[in-house]
Amino acid sequence: MLYDPREVRKFNVEGEYDRYTDTIFLSLNSVNPDGNLSDLQISEKLDAIFNHELIHVFRKKDLITEKEYQYLRSLVKRKKV
């Protein structure tokens, strides 16, 4: 599976779960587009994106119920960034 980096930048894709290959893809281009983040900052951003995609994996594999998924979504919506 190939992704065109121009499309990733255009649509600001940070990560995606592909259920056919059971793989989570992370876009390194979106994490540090200007190249000025430290290794720690890059790692933290990658962790956050991975955790976000992991929730989608859990739901698609029916490891969490729709009710649990909606509860997690409500927590995220209330969190101040």
C-alpha atoms as a PDB file:
ATOM      1  CA  MET A   1       0.000   0.000   0.000  1.00  0.00           C
ATOM      2  CA  LEU A   2       1.461   3.332  -1.041  1.00  0.00           C
ATOM      3  CA  TYR A   3       0.458   6.806  -0.008  1.00  0.00           C
ATOM      4  CA  ASP A   4       1.392   9.892  -1.955  1.00  0.00           C
ATOM      5  CA  PRO A   5       3.001  12.359   0.508  1.00  0.00           C
ATOM      6  CA  ARG A   6       1.284  15.244  -1.299  1.00  0.00           C
ATOM      7  CA  GLU A   7      -2.116  13.725  -0.504  1.00  0.00           C
ATOM      8  CA  VAL A   8      -1.131  13.195   3.135  1.00  0.00           C
ATOM      9  CA  ARG A   9      -0.198  16.874   3.438  1.00  0.00           C
ATOM     10  CA  LYS A  10      -3.239  18.033   1.500  1.00  0.00           C
ATOM     11  CA  PHE A  11      -5.714  16.210   3.736  1.00  0.00           C
ATOM     12  CA  ASN A  12      -3.611  16.404   6.930  1.00  0.00           C
ATOM     13  CA  VAL A  13      -3.692  12.632   7.432  1.00  0.00           C
ATOM     14  CA  GLU A  14      -1.828  11.702  10.606  1.00  0.00           C
ATOM     15  CA  GLY A  15      -2.682   8.043  10.873  1.00  0.00           C
ATOM     16  CA  GLU A  16      -4.955   5.396   9.497  1.00  0.00           C
ATOM     17  CA  TYR A  17      -5.953   1.847  10.303  1.00  0.00           C
ATOM     18  CA  ASP A  18      -6.216  -0.526   7.362  1.00  0.00           C
ATOM     19  CA  ARG A  19      -8.438  -3.435   8.335  1.00  0.00           C
ATOM     20  CA  TYR A  20      -7.457  -5.476   5.278  1.00  0.00           C
ATOM     21  CA  THR A  21      -3.805  -5.637   6.278  1.00  0.00           C
ATOM     22  CA  ASP A  22      -4.525  -5.153  10.013  1.00  0.00           C
ATOM     23  CA  THR A  23      -1.964  -2.371  10.055  1.00  0.00           C
ATOM     24  CA  ILE A  24      -1.853   1.099  11.575  1.00  0.00           C
ATOM     25  CA  PHE A  25      -0.073   3.604   9.345  1.00  0.00           C
ATOM     26  CA  LEU A  26       1.457   6.758  10.816  1.00  0.00           C
ATOM     27  CA  SER A  27       2.403   9.737   8.669  1.00  0.00           C
ATOM     28  CA  LEU A  28       5.827  10.983   9.619  1.00  0.00           C
ATOM     29  CA  ASN A  29       5.328  13.929   7.255  1.00  0.00           C
ATOM     30  CA  SER A  30       2.419  15.217   9.310  1.00  0.00           C
ATOM     31  CA  VAL A  31       4.175  14.799  12.656  1.00  0.00           C
ATOM     32  CA  ASN A  32       7.125  17.078  11.969  1.00  0.00           C
ATOM     33  CA  PRO A  33       6.462  18.961   8.720  1.00  0.00           C
ATOM     34  CA  ASP A  34       8.897  21.776   9.502  1.00  0.00           C
ATOM     35  CA  GLY A  35      11.606  19.493  10.876  1.00  0.00           C
ATOM     36  CA  ASN A  36      12.052  21.507  14.060  1.00  0.00           C
ATOM     37  CA  LEU A  37      10.702  19.133  16.731  1.00  0.00           C
ATOM     38  CA  SER A  38      12.914  17.267  19.169  1.00  0.00           C
ATOM     39  CA  ASP A  39      13.029  13.473  19.210  1.00  0.00           C
ATOM     40  CA  LEU A  40      10.930  13.512  22.373  1.00  0.00           C
ATOM     41  CA  GLN A  41       8.280  15.755  20.796  1.00  0.00           C
ATOM     42  CA  ILE A  42       8.116  13.545  17.709  1.00  0.00           C
ATOM     43  CA  SER A  43       7.785  10.443  19.879  1.00  0.00           C
ATOM     44  CA  GLU A  44       4.983  12.029  21.926  1.00  0.00           C
ATOM     45  CA  LYS A  45       3.066  13.037  18.796  1.00  0.00           C
ATOM     46  CA  LEU A  46       3.463   9.555  17.288  1.00  0.00           C
ATOM     47  CA  ASP A  47       2.246   7.991  20.542  1.00  0.00           C
ATOM     48  CA  ALA A  48      -0.850  10.213  20.556  1.00  0.00           C
ATOM     49  CA  ILE A  49      -1.695   9.396  16.928  1.00  0.00           C
ATOM     50  CA  PHE A  50      -1.125   5.682  17.514  1.00  0.00           C
ATOM     51  CA  ASN A  51      -3.368   5.701  20.594  1.00  0.00           C
ATOM     52  CA  HIS A  52      -6.075   7.478  18.606  1.00  0.00           C
ATOM     53  CA  GLU A  53      -5.917   4.902  15.822  1.00  0.00           C
ATOM     54  CA  LEU A  54      -5.862   2.068  18.344  1.00  0.00           C
ATOM     55  CA  ILE A  55      -9.321   3.090  19.567  1.00  0.00           C
ATOM     56  CA  HIS A  56     -10.586   2.709  15.985  1.00  0.00           C
ATOM     57  CA  VAL A  57      -8.973  -0.738  15.838  1.00  0.00           C
ATOM     58  CA  PHE A  58     -10.655  -1.786  19.074  1.00  0.00           C
ATOM     59  CA  ARG A  59     -14.047  -0.718  17.737  1.00  0.00           C
ATOM     60  CA  LYS A  60     -13.620  -2.292  14.300  1.00  0.00           C
ATOM     61  CA  LYS A  61     -12.574  -5.575  15.895  1.00  0.00           C
ATOM     62  CA  ASP A  62     -15.513  -5.329  18.290  1.00  0.00           C
ATOM     63  CA  LEU A  63     -13.189  -5.304  21.307  1.00  0.00           C
ATOM     64  CA  ILE A  64     -15.161  -2.401  22.739  1.00  0.00           C
ATOM     65  CA  THR A  65     -18.883  -1.859  22.392  1.00  0.00           C
ATOM     66  CA  GLU A  66     -20.462   1.080  20.587  1.00  0.00           C
ATOM     67  CA  LYS A  67     -21.523   2.421  23.976  1.00  0.00           C
ATOM     68  CA  GLU A  68     -17.918   2.261  25.260  1.00  0.00           C
ATOM     69  CA  TYR A  69     -16.694   3.899  22.062  1.00  0.00           C
ATOM     70  CA  GLN A  70     -19.211   6.742  22.417  1.00  0.00           C
ATOM     71  CA  TYR A  71     -18.183   7.178  26.047  1.00  0.00           C
ATOM     72  CA  LEU A  72     -14.536   7.542  25.017  1.00  0.00           C
ATOM     73  CA  ARG A  73     -15.538  10.041  22.330  1.00  0.00           C
ATOM     74  CA  SER A  74     -17.445  12.098  24.894  1.00  0.00           C
ATOM     75  CA  LEU A  75     -14.375  12.188  27.153  1.00  0.00           C
ATOM     76  CA  VAL A  76     -12.213  13.415  24.297  1.00  0.00           C
ATOM     77  CA  LYS A  77     -14.712  16.124  23.352  1.00  0.00           C
ATOM     78  CA  ARG A  78     -14.691  17.425  26.940  1.00  0.00           C
ATOM     79  CA  LYS A  79     -10.897  17.428  27.246  1.00  0.00           C
ATOM     80  CA  LYS A  80      -9.267  20.805  26.825  1.00  0.00           C
ATOM     81  CA  VAL A  81      -6.278  20.827  24.534  1.00  0.00           C
END
